[in-house]
PDB file of N, CA and C in Angstrom:
ATOM      1  N   MET A   1     -37.155 -44.906  -2.483  1.00  0.00           N
ATOM      2  CA  MET A   1     -38.138 -45.853  -2.941  1.00  0.00           C
ATOM      3  C   MET A   1     -38.268 -46.959  -1.948  1.00  0.00           C
ATOM      4  N   ILE A   2     -39.439 -47.529  -1.872  1.00  0.00           N
ATOM      5  CA  ILE A   2     -39.618 -48.735  -1.105  1.00  0.00           C
ATOM      6  C   ILE A   2     -39.255 -49.847  -2.074  1.00  0.00           C
ATOM      7  N   SER A   3     -38.229 -50.559  -1.749  1.00  0.00           N
ATOM      8  CA  SER A   3     -37.589 -51.424  -2.714  1.00  0.00           C
ATOM      9  C   SER A   3     -37.743 -52.899  -2.364  1.00  0.00           C
ATOM     10  N   ARG A   4     -37.878 -53.694  -3.440  1.00  0.00           N
ATOM     11  CA  ARG A   4     -37.840 -55.123  -3.282  1.00  0.00           C
ATOM     12  C   ARG A   4     -36.452 -55.619  -2.961  1.00  0.00           C
ATOM     13  N   ALA A   5     -35.403 -54.733  -3.115  1.00  0.00           N
ATOM     14  CA  ALA A   5     -34.056 -55.102  -2.787  1.00  0.00           C
ATOM     15  C   ALA A   5     -33.830 -55.167  -1.279  1.00  0.00           C
ATOM     16  N   LEU A   6     -34.659 -54.489  -0.529  1.00  0.00           N
ATOM     17  CA  LEU A   6     -34.562 -54.547   0.935  1.00  0.00           C
ATOM     18  C   LEU A   6     -35.313 -55.756   1.416  1.00  0.00           C
ATOM     19  N   GLU A   7     -34.712 -56.549   2.276  1.00  0.00           N
ATOM     20  CA  GLU A   7     -35.380 -57.755   2.735  1.00  0.00           C
ATOM     21  C   GLU A   7     -36.563 -57.451   3.635  1.00  0.00           C
ATOM     22  N   GLU A   8     -36.493 -56.410   4.451  1.00  0.00           N
ATOM     23  CA  GLU A   8     -37.576 -56.033   5.340  1.00  0.00           C
ATOM     24  C   GLU A   8     -38.001 -54.615   4.963  1.00  0.00           C
ATOM     25  N   PRO A   9     -39.269 -54.232   5.136  1.00  0.00           N
ATOM     26  CA  PRO A   9     -39.680 -52.882   4.844  1.00  0.00           C
ATOM     27  C   PRO A   9     -39.293 -51.947   5.984  1.00  0.00           C
ATOM     28  N   VAL A  10     -37.961 -51.691   6.106  1.00  0.00           N
ATOM     29  CA  VAL A  10     -37.447 -50.900   7.197  1.00  0.00           C
ATOM     30  C   VAL A  10     -37.352 -49.436   6.818  1.00  0.00           C
ATOM     31  N   GLY A  11     -37.555 -49.076   5.578  1.00  0.00           N
ATOM     32  CA  GLY A  11     -37.489 -47.713   5.143  1.00  0.00           C
ATOM     33  C   GLY A  11     -37.423 -47.600   3.644  1.00  0.00           C
ATOM     34  N   LEU A  12     -37.009 -46.482   3.180  1.00  0.00           N
ATOM     35  CA  LEU A  12     -36.814 -46.225   1.770  1.00  0.00           C
ATOM     36  C   LEU A  12     -35.420 -46.672   1.347  1.00  0.00           C
ATOM     37  N   GLU A  13     -35.286 -46.931   0.070  1.00  0.00           N
ATOM     38  CA  GLU A  13     -33.943 -47.238  -0.452  1.00  0.00           C
ATOM     39  C   GLU A  13     -33.446 -45.936  -1.104  1.00  0.00           C
ATOM     40  N   ALA A  14     -32.504 -45.301  -0.496  1.00  0.00           N
ATOM     41  CA  ALA A  14     -31.886 -44.080  -1.076  1.00  0.00           C
ATOM     42  C   ALA A  14     -30.820 -44.562  -2.088  1.00  0.00           C
ATOM     43  N   ALA A  15     -30.901 -44.055  -3.279  1.00  0.00           N
ATOM     44  CA  ALA A  15     -29.952 -44.423  -4.317  1.00  0.00           C
ATOM     45  C   ALA A  15     -29.314 -43.194  -4.911  1.00  0.00           C
ATOM     46  N   ALA A  16     -28.016 -43.145  -4.956  1.00  0.00           N
ATOM     47  CA  ALA A  16     -27.320 -42.034  -5.571  1.00  0.00           C
ATOM     48  C   ALA A  16     -26.547 -42.556  -6.770  1.00  0.00           C
ATOM     49  N   MET A  17     -26.699 -41.964  -7.907  1.00  0.00           N
ATOM     50  CA  MET A  17     -26.009 -42.350  -9.117  1.00  0.00           C
ATOM     51  C   MET A  17     -25.061 -41.226  -9.509  1.00  0.00           C
ATOM     52  N   ASN A  18     -23.778 -41.573  -9.689  1.00  0.00           N
ATOM     53  CA  ASN A  18     -22.789 -40.539  -9.986  1.00  0.00           C
ATOM     54  C   ASN A  18     -21.844 -41.003 -11.099  1.00  0.00           C
ATOM     55  N   PRO A  19     -22.326 -41.099 -12.349  1.00  0.00           N
ATOM     56  CA  PRO A  19     -21.450 -41.474 -13.451  1.00  0.00           C
ATOM     57  C   PRO A  19     -20.559 -40.276 -13.743  1.00  0.00           C
ATOM     58  N   HIS A  20     -19.265 -40.563 -13.900  1.00  0.00           N
ATOM     59  CA  HIS A  20     -18.289 -39.464 -14.129  1.00  0.00           C
ATOM     60  C   HIS A  20     -18.131 -39.061 -15.590  1.00  0.00           C
ATOM     61  N   ASP A  21     -18.447 -39.936 -16.521  1.00  0.00           N
ATOM     62  CA  ASP A  21     -18.310 -39.586 -17.902  1.00  0.00           C
ATOM     63  C   ASP A  21     -19.339 -40.442 -18.729  1.00  0.00           C
ATOM     64  N   ALA A  22     -19.259 -40.315 -20.020  1.00  0.00           N
ATOM     65  CA  ALA A  22     -20.203 -40.961 -20.912  1.00  0.00           C
ATOM     66  C   ALA A  22     -20.105 -42.492 -20.864  1.00  0.00           C
ATOM     67  N   SER A  23     -18.888 -43.012 -20.655  1.00  0.00           N
ATOM     68  CA  SER A  23     -18.712 -44.442 -20.543  1.00  0.00           C
ATOM     69  C   SER A  23     -19.392 -44.991 -19.277  1.00  0.00           C
ATOM     70  N   ASP A  24     -19.239 -44.232 -18.155  1.00  0.00           N
ATOM     71  CA  ASP A  24     -19.933 -44.644 -16.948  1.00  0.00           C
ATOM     72  C   ASP A  24     -21.420 -44.605 -17.117  1.00  0.00           C
ATOM     73  N   ALA A  25     -21.959 -43.585 -17.786  1.00  0.00           N
ATOM     74  CA  ALA A  25     -23.382 -43.523 -18.020  1.00  0.00           C
ATOM     75  C   ALA A  25     -23.876 -44.667 -18.900  1.00  0.00           C
ATOM     76  N   PHE A  26     -23.068 -44.998 -19.916  1.00  0.00           N
ATOM     77  CA  PHE A  26     -23.458 -46.129 -20.814  1.00  0.00           C
ATOM     78  C   PHE A  26     -23.456 -47.428 -20.032  1.00  0.00           C
ATOM     79  N   ARG A  27     -22.432 -47.629 -19.187  1.00  0.00           N
ATOM     80  CA  ARG A  27     -22.346 -48.869 -18.384  1.00  0.00           C
ATOM     81  C   ARG A  27     -23.530 -48.947 -17.445  1.00  0.00           C
ATOM     82  N   LEU A  28     -23.912 -47.816 -16.785  1.00  0.00           N
ATOM     83  CA  LEU A  28     -25.088 -47.780 -15.907  1.00  0.00           C
ATOM     84  C   LEU A  28     -26.368 -48.115 -16.670  1.00  0.00           C
ATOM     85  N   ALA A  29     -26.506 -47.589 -17.881  1.00  0.00           N
ATOM     86  CA  ALA A  29     -27.679 -47.909 -18.713  1.00  0.00           C
ATOM     87  C   ALA A  29     -27.693 -49.379 -19.075  1.00  0.00           C
ATOM     88  N   ALA A  30     -26.525 -49.949 -19.366  1.00  0.00           N
ATOM     89  CA  ALA A  30     -26.455 -51.386 -19.706  1.00  0.00           C
ATOM     90  C   ALA A  30     -26.888 -52.224 -18.510  1.00  0.00           C
ATOM     91  N   HIS A  31     -26.419 -51.872 -17.312  1.00  0.00           N
ATOM     92  CA  HIS A  31     -26.866 -52.582 -16.088  1.00  0.00           C
ATOM     93  C   HIS A  31     -28.386 -52.478 -15.946  1.00  0.00           C
ATOM     94  N   ALA A  32     -28.935 -51.301 -16.171  1.00  0.00           N
ATOM     95  CA  ALA A  32     -30.378 -51.094 -16.038  1.00  0.00           C
ATOM     96  C   ALA A  32     -31.158 -51.971 -17.021  1.00  0.00           C
ATOM     97  N   LEU A  33     -30.602 -52.146 -18.228  1.00  0.00           N
ATOM     98  CA  LEU A  33     -31.311 -52.929 -19.234  1.00  0.00           C
ATOM     99  C   LEU A  33     -31.138 -54.431 -19.035  1.00  0.00           C
ATOM    100  N   PHE A  34     -29.976 -54.886 -18.644  1.00  0.00           N
ATOM    101  CA  PHE A  34     -29.664 -56.333 -18.678  1.00  0.00           C
ATOM    102  C   PHE A  34     -29.665 -57.005 -17.332  1.00  0.00           C
ATOM    103  N   ASP A  35     -29.438 -56.312 -16.223  1.00  0.00           N
ATOM    104  CA  ASP A  35     -29.504 -57.029 -14.954  1.00  0.00           C
ATOM    105  C   ASP A  35     -30.150 -56.071 -13.892  1.00  0.00           C
ATOM    106  N   ASP A  36     -29.346 -55.474 -13.032  1.00  0.00           N
ATOM    107  CA  ASP A  36     -29.871 -54.586 -12.004  1.00  0.00           C
ATOM    108  C   ASP A  36     -28.969 -53.363 -11.913  1.00  0.00           C
ATOM    109  N   TRP A  37     -29.543 -52.176 -12.042  1.00  0.00           N
ATOM    110  CA  TRP A  37     -28.745 -50.959 -12.001  1.00  0.00           C
ATOM    111  C   TRP A  37     -28.004 -50.808 -10.675  1.00  0.00           C
ATOM    112  N   ARG A  38     -28.427 -51.496  -9.620  1.00  0.00           N
ATOM    113  CA  ARG A  38     -27.744 -51.411  -8.332  1.00  0.00           C
ATOM    114  C   ARG A  38     -26.357 -52.058  -8.390  1.00  0.00           C
ATOM    115  N   HIS A  39     -26.136 -52.902  -9.348  1.00  0.00           N
ATOM    116  CA  HIS A  39     -24.800 -53.584  -9.462  1.00  0.00           C
ATOM    117  C   HIS A  39     -23.747 -52.693 -10.069  1.00  0.00           C
ATOM    118  N   ASP A  40     -24.116 -51.516 -10.571  1.00  0.00           N
ATOM    119  CA  ASP A  40     -23.124 -50.623 -11.213  1.00  0.00           C
ATOM    120  C   ASP A  40     -22.261 -49.957 -10.150  1.00  0.00           C
ATOM    121  N   PRO A  41     -20.949 -49.802 -10.363  1.00  0.00           N
ATOM    122  CA  PRO A  41     -20.118 -49.157  -9.353  1.00  0.00           C
ATOM    123  C   PRO A  41     -20.378 -47.677  -9.142  1.00  0.00           C
ATOM    124  N   ALA A  42     -21.110 -47.048 -10.043  1.00  0.00           N
ATOM    125  CA  ALA A  42     -21.414 -45.614  -9.945  1.00  0.00           C
ATOM    126  C   ALA A  42     -22.666 -45.412  -9.049  1.00  0.00           C
ATOM    127  N   VAL A  43     -23.269 -46.493  -8.559  1.00  0.00           N
ATOM    128  CA  VAL A  43     -24.440 -46.446  -7.751  1.00  0.00           C
ATOM    129  C   VAL A  43     -24.157 -46.804  -6.291  1.00  0.00           C
ATOM    130  N   LYS A  44     -24.634 -46.003  -5.392  1.00  0.00           N
ATOM    131  CA  LYS A  44     -24.581 -46.267  -3.957  1.00  0.00           C
ATOM    132  C   LYS A  44     -25.981 -46.307  -3.439  1.00  0.00           C
ATOM    133  N   THR A  45     -26.357 -47.327  -2.650  1.00  0.00           N
ATOM    134  CA  THR A  45     -27.673 -47.445  -2.048  1.00  0.00           C
ATOM    135  C   THR A  45     -27.549 -47.661  -0.541  1.00  0.00           C
ATOM    136  N   LYS A  46     -28.592 -47.211   0.170  1.00  0.00           N
ATOM    137  CA  LYS A  46     -28.624 -47.352   1.608  1.00  0.00           C
ATOM    138  C   LYS A  46     -30.107 -47.246   2.064  1.00  0.00           C
ATOM    139  N   PRO A  47     -30.492 -48.061   3.009  1.00  0.00           N
ATOM    140  CA  PRO A  47     -31.864 -47.850   3.553  1.00  0.00           C
ATOM    141  C   PRO A  47     -31.894 -46.635   4.428  1.00  0.00           C
ATOM    142  N   ALA A  48     -33.021 -45.932   4.423  1.00  0.00           N
ATOM    143  CA  ALA A  48     -33.139 -44.706   5.213  1.00  0.00           C
ATOM    144  C   ALA A  48     -34.627 -44.457   5.566  1.00  0.00           C
ATOM    145  N   ARG A  49     -34.860 -43.856   6.714  1.00  0.00           N
ATOM    146  CA  ARG A  49     -36.183 -43.474   7.120  1.00  0.00           C
ATOM    147  C   ARG A  49     -36.441 -41.971   6.813  1.00  0.00           C
ATOM    148  N   ARG A  50     -35.390 -41.217   6.695  1.00  0.00           N
ATOM    149  CA  ARG A  50     -35.502 -39.778   6.387  1.00  0.00           C
ATOM    150  C   ARG A  50     -34.331 -39.376   5.533  1.00  0.00           C
ATOM    151  N   ILE A  51     -34.637 -38.664   4.485  1.00  0.00           N
ATOM    152  CA  ILE A  51     -33.585 -38.252   3.521  1.00  0.00           C
ATOM    153  C   ILE A  51     -33.682 -36.760   3.316  1.00  0.00           C
ATOM    154  N   ARG A  52     -32.604 -36.028   3.455  1.00  0.00           N
ATOM    155  CA  ARG A  52     -32.610 -34.621   3.164  1.00  0.00           C
ATOM    156  C   ARG A  52     -31.854 -34.418   1.857  1.00  0.00           C
ATOM    157  N   VAL A  53     -32.495 -33.688   0.911  1.00  0.00           N
ATOM    158  CA  VAL A  53     -31.873 -33.463  -0.410  1.00  0.00           C
ATOM    159  C   VAL A  53     -31.621 -31.982  -0.530  1.00  0.00           C
ATOM    160  N   SER A  54     -30.403 -31.650  -0.923  1.00  0.00           N
ATOM    161  CA  SER A  54     -30.078 -30.243  -1.095  1.00  0.00           C
ATOM    162  C   SER A  54     -29.265 -30.079  -2.364  1.00  0.00           C
ATOM    163  N   ALA A  55     -29.643 -29.100  -3.180  1.00  0.00           N
ATOM    164  CA  ALA A  55     -28.952 -28.934  -4.453  1.00  0.00           C
ATOM    165  C   ALA A  55     -29.046 -27.404  -4.855  1.00  0.00           C
ATOM    166  N   ARG A  56     -28.384 -27.055  -5.951  1.00  0.00           N
ATOM    167  CA  ARG A  56     -28.446 -25.672  -6.419  1.00  0.00           C
ATOM    168  C   ARG A  56     -29.742 -25.362  -7.192  1.00  0.00           C
ATOM    169  N   SER A  57     -30.354 -26.420  -7.745  1.00  0.00           N
ATOM    170  CA  SER A  57     -31.587 -26.265  -8.460  1.00  0.00           C
ATOM    171  C   SER A  57     -32.550 -27.428  -8.117  1.00  0.00           C
ATOM    172  N   ARG A  58     -33.700 -27.448  -8.756  1.00  0.00           N
ATOM    173  CA  ARG A  58     -34.615 -28.531  -8.444  1.00  0.00           C
ATOM    174  C   ARG A  58     -34.011 -29.882  -8.724  1.00  0.00           C
ATOM    175  N   VAL A  59     -34.455 -30.872  -7.943  1.00  0.00           N
ATOM    176  CA  VAL A  59     -33.850 -32.221  -8.007  1.00  0.00           C
ATOM    177  C   VAL A  59     -34.785 -33.185  -8.672  1.00  0.00           C
ATOM    178  N   PRO A  60     -34.340 -33.848  -9.795  1.00  0.00           N
ATOM    179  CA  PRO A  60     -35.218 -34.821 -10.426  1.00  0.00           C
ATOM    180  C   PRO A  60     -35.338 -36.048  -9.511  1.00  0.00           C
ATOM    181  N   ALA A  61     -36.584 -36.557  -9.403  1.00  0.00           N
ATOM    182  CA  ALA A  61     -36.841 -37.707  -8.583  1.00  0.00           C
ATOM    183  C   ALA A  61     -37.958 -38.507  -9.214  1.00  0.00           C
ATOM    184  N   VAL A  62     -38.162 -39.721  -8.719  1.00  0.00           N
ATOM    185  CA  VAL A  62     -39.268 -40.571  -9.138  1.00  0.00           C
ATOM    186  C   VAL A  62     -40.073 -40.924  -7.920  1.00  0.00           C
ATOM    187  N   LEU A  63     -41.395 -40.583  -7.989  1.00  0.00           N
ATOM    188  CA  LEU A  63     -42.297 -40.794  -6.880  1.00  0.00           C
ATOM    189  C   LEU A  63     -43.438 -41.677  -7.368  1.00  0.00           C
ATOM    190  N   ASP A  64     -43.631 -42.871  -6.822  1.00  0.00           N
ATOM    191  CA  ASP A  64     -44.635 -43.821  -7.277  1.00  0.00           C
ATOM    192  C   ASP A  64     -44.548 -44.039  -8.754  1.00  0.00           C
ATOM    193  N   GLY A  65     -43.327 -44.130  -9.270  1.00  0.00           N
ATOM    194  CA  GLY A  65     -43.114 -44.394 -10.699  1.00  0.00           C
ATOM    195  C   GLY A  65     -43.252 -43.230 -11.599  1.00  0.00           C
ATOM    196  N   GLU A  66     -43.584 -42.047 -11.064  1.00  0.00           N
ATOM    197  CA  GLU A  66     -43.714 -40.850 -11.857  1.00  0.00           C
ATOM    198  C   GLU A  66     -42.566 -39.884 -11.661  1.00  0.00           C
ATOM    199  N   PRO A  67     -41.967 -39.363 -12.781  1.00  0.00           N
ATOM    200  CA  PRO A  67     -40.896 -38.414 -12.611  1.00  0.00           C
ATOM    201  C   PRO A  67     -41.432 -37.048 -12.100  1.00  0.00           C
ATOM    202  N   ILE A  68     -40.745 -36.512 -11.091  1.00  0.00           N
ATOM    203  CA  ILE A  68     -41.096 -35.205 -10.537  1.00  0.00           C
ATOM    204  C   ILE A  68     -39.847 -34.363 -10.283  1.00  0.00           C
ATOM    205  N   LEU A  69     -40.003 -33.078 -10.036  1.00  0.00           N
ATOM    206  CA  LEU A  69     -38.933 -32.245  -9.630  1.00  0.00           C
ATOM    207  C   LEU A  69     -39.144 -31.780  -8.209  1.00  0.00           C
ATOM    208  N   LEU A  70     -38.226 -32.183  -7.298  1.00  0.00           N
ATOM    209  CA  LEU A  70     -38.348 -31.760  -5.925  1.00  0.00           C
ATOM    210  C   LEU A  70     -37.769 -30.336  -5.772  1.00  0.00           C
ATOM    211  N   PRO A  71     -38.222 -29.536  -4.796  1.00  0.00           N
ATOM    212  CA  PRO A  71     -37.577 -28.284  -4.538  1.00  0.00           C
ATOM    213  C   PRO A  71     -36.102 -28.527  -4.194  1.00  0.00           C
ATOM    214  N   ALA A  72     -35.305 -27.502  -4.378  1.00  0.00           N
ATOM    215  CA  ALA A  72     -33.812 -27.603  -4.163  1.00  0.00           C
ATOM    216  C   ALA A  72     -33.474 -28.054  -2.722  1.00  0.00           C
ATOM    217  N   ASP A  73     -34.306 -27.745  -1.762  1.00  0.00           N
ATOM    218  CA  ASP A  73     -34.057 -28.184  -0.378  1.00  0.00           C
ATOM    219  C   ASP A  73     -35.330 -28.942   0.060  1.00  0.00           C
ATOM    220  N   SER A  74     -35.226 -30.251   0.113  1.00  0.00           N
ATOM    221  CA  SER A  74     -36.406 -31.115   0.418  1.00  0.00           C
ATOM    222  C   SER A  74     -36.053 -32.202   1.408  1.00  0.00           C
ATOM    223  N   THR A  75     -37.081 -32.669   2.146  1.00  0.00           N
ATOM    224  CA  THR A  75     -36.918 -33.778   3.047  1.00  0.00           C
ATOM    225  C   THR A  75     -37.962 -34.818   2.648  1.00  0.00           C
ATOM    226  N   VAL A  76     -37.512 -36.074   2.553  1.00  0.00           N
ATOM    227  CA  VAL A  76     -38.386 -37.176   2.227  1.00  0.00           C
ATOM    228  C   VAL A  76     -38.417 -38.081   3.468  1.00  0.00           C
ATOM    229  N   LYS A  77     -39.603 -38.439   3.919  1.00  0.00           N
ATOM    230  CA  LYS A  77     -39.751 -39.260   5.133  1.00  0.00           C
ATOM    231  C   LYS A  77     -40.420 -40.593   4.788  1.00  0.00           C
ATOM    232  N   PHE A  78     -40.009 -41.668   5.434  1.00  0.00           N
ATOM    233  CA  PHE A  78     -40.676 -42.958   5.296  1.00  0.00           C
ATOM    234  C   PHE A  78     -41.725 -43.062   6.398  1.00  0.00           C
ATOM    235  N   LEU A  79     -42.981 -43.259   6.010  1.00  0.00           N
ATOM    236  CA  LEU A  79     -44.051 -43.436   6.994  1.00  0.00           C
ATOM    237  C   LEU A  79     -44.599 -44.824   6.812  1.00  0.00           C
ATOM    238  N   PRO A  80     -44.278 -45.781   7.712  1.00  0.00           N
ATOM    239  CA  PRO A  80     -44.813 -47.127   7.528  1.00  0.00           C
ATOM    240  C   PRO A  80     -46.323 -47.099   7.719  1.00  0.00           C
ATOM    241  N   LYS A  81     -46.987 -47.867   6.905  1.00  0.00           N
ATOM    242  CA  LYS A  81     -48.445 -48.002   6.899  1.00  0.00           C
ATOM    243  C   LYS A  81     -49.141 -46.694   6.717  1.00  0.00           C
ATOM    244  N   ALA A  82     -48.545 -45.779   5.930  1.00  0.00           N
ATOM    245  CA  ALA A  82     -49.191 -44.470   5.662  1.00  0.00           C
ATOM    246  C   ALA A  82     -50.340 -44.620   4.701  1.00  0.00           C
ATOM    247  N   PHE A  83     -50.391 -45.728   3.958  1.00  0.00           N
ATOM    248  CA  PHE A  83     -51.452 -45.918   2.972  1.00  0.00           C
ATOM    249  C   PHE A  83     -52.051 -47.304   3.157  1.00  0.00           C
ATOM    250  N   ARG A  84     -53.341 -47.376   3.248  1.00  0.00           N
ATOM    251  CA  ARG A  84     -54.001 -48.648   3.281  1.00  0.00           C
ATOM    252  C   ARG A  84     -55.077 -48.630   2.143  1.00  0.00           C
ATOM    253  N   ALA A  85     -55.075 -49.668   1.412  1.00  0.00           N
ATOM    254  CA  ALA A  85     -56.006 -49.725   0.271  1.00  0.00           C
ATOM    255  C   ALA A  85     -57.181 -50.665   0.616  1.00  0.00           C
ATOM    256  N   LEU A  86     -58.356 -50.232   0.225  1.00  0.00           N
ATOM    257  CA  LEU A  86     -59.544 -51.090   0.392  1.00  0.00           C
ATOM    258  C   LEU A  86     -59.816 -51.692  -0.990  1.00  0.00           C
ATOM    259  N   ALA A  87     -60.051 -52.977  -1.003  1.00  0.00           N
ATOM    260  CA  ALA A  87     -60.359 -53.659  -2.281  1.00  0.00           C
ATOM    261  C   ALA A  87     -61.601 -54.506  -2.045  1.00  0.00           C
ATOM    262  N   PRO A  88     -62.421 -54.639  -3.077  1.00  0.00           N
ATOM    263  CA  PRO A  88     -63.570 -55.535  -2.912  1.00  0.00           C
ATOM    264  C   PRO A  88     -63.118 -56.960  -2.750  1.00  0.00           C
ATOM    265  N   ARG A  89     -63.901 -57.736  -1.987  1.00  0.00           N
ATOM    266  CA  ARG A  89     -63.622 -59.109  -1.791  1.00  0.00           C
ATOM    267  C   ARG A  89     -63.786 -59.856  -3.141  1.00  0.00           C
ATOM    268  N   PRO A  90     -62.879 -60.751  -3.483  1.00  0.00           N
ATOM    269  CA  PRO A  90     -63.030 -61.451  -4.771  1.00  0.00           C
ATOM    270  C   PRO A  90     -64.266 -62.342  -4.758  1.00  0.00           C
ATOM    271  N   PRO A  91     -64.835 -62.624  -5.943  1.00  0.00           N
ATOM    272  CA  PRO A  91     -66.019 -63.461  -6.000  1.00  0.00           C
ATOM    273  C   PRO A  91     -65.724 -64.796  -5.337  1.00  0.00           C
ATOM    274  N   ALA A  92     -66.749 -65.465  -4.802  1.00  0.00           N
ATOM    275  CA  ALA A  92     -66.659 -66.751  -4.157  1.00  0.00           C
ATOM    276  C   ALA A  92     -66.031 -67.750  -5.119  1.00  0.00           C
ATOM    277  N   ALA A  93     -65.296 -68.665  -4.561  1.00  0.00           N
ATOM    278  CA  ALA A  93     -64.556 -69.657  -5.406  1.00  0.00           C
ATOM    279  C   ALA A  93     -65.483 -70.820  -5.716  1.00  0.00           C
ATOM    280  N   GLU A  94     -66.733 -70.740  -5.472  1.00  0.00           N
ATOM    281  CA  GLU A  94     -67.634 -71.888  -5.700  1.00  0.00           C
ATOM    282  C   GLU A  94     -67.757 -72.336  -7.154  1.00  0.00           C
ATOM    283  N   ASP A  95     -67.503 -71.398  -8.107  1.00  0.00           N
ATOM    284  CA  ASP A  95     -67.624 -71.703  -9.519  1.00  0.00           C
ATOM    285  C   ASP A  95     -66.334 -72.198 -10.137  1.00  0.00           C
ATOM    286  N   THR A  96     -65.245 -72.226  -9.355  1.00  0.00           N
ATOM    287  CA  THR A  96     -63.980 -72.619  -9.947  1.00  0.00           C
ATOM    288  C   THR A  96     -63.825 -74.144  -9.827  1.00  0.00           C
ATOM    289  N   VAL A  97     -62.926 -74.664 -10.650  1.00  0.00           N
ATOM    290  CA  VAL A  97     -62.671 -76.108 -10.652  1.00  0.00           C
ATOM    291  C   VAL A  97     -61.611 -76.449  -9.679  1.00  0.00           C
TER     292      VAL A  97
END
């Protein structure tokens, strides 16, 4: 993810969550609800420009806020300035106070 936790847009924020039991999962959920899930000891984060994911089955992921399943062997790359949005110019400020 491109994260607000990174001070500079140097890449994606790779996050791995590894709760060992139900109490770890509950604690992680509590962090997600009440402060920041990154503060949980079961979470490891690191900036990356390229991430290779390998698993026995499809890998759940979130892309642009949407849950998806990646193929079992996938590569995710950070492309700076890969998207540019065009937006209409806002109306003139002449009518504002």
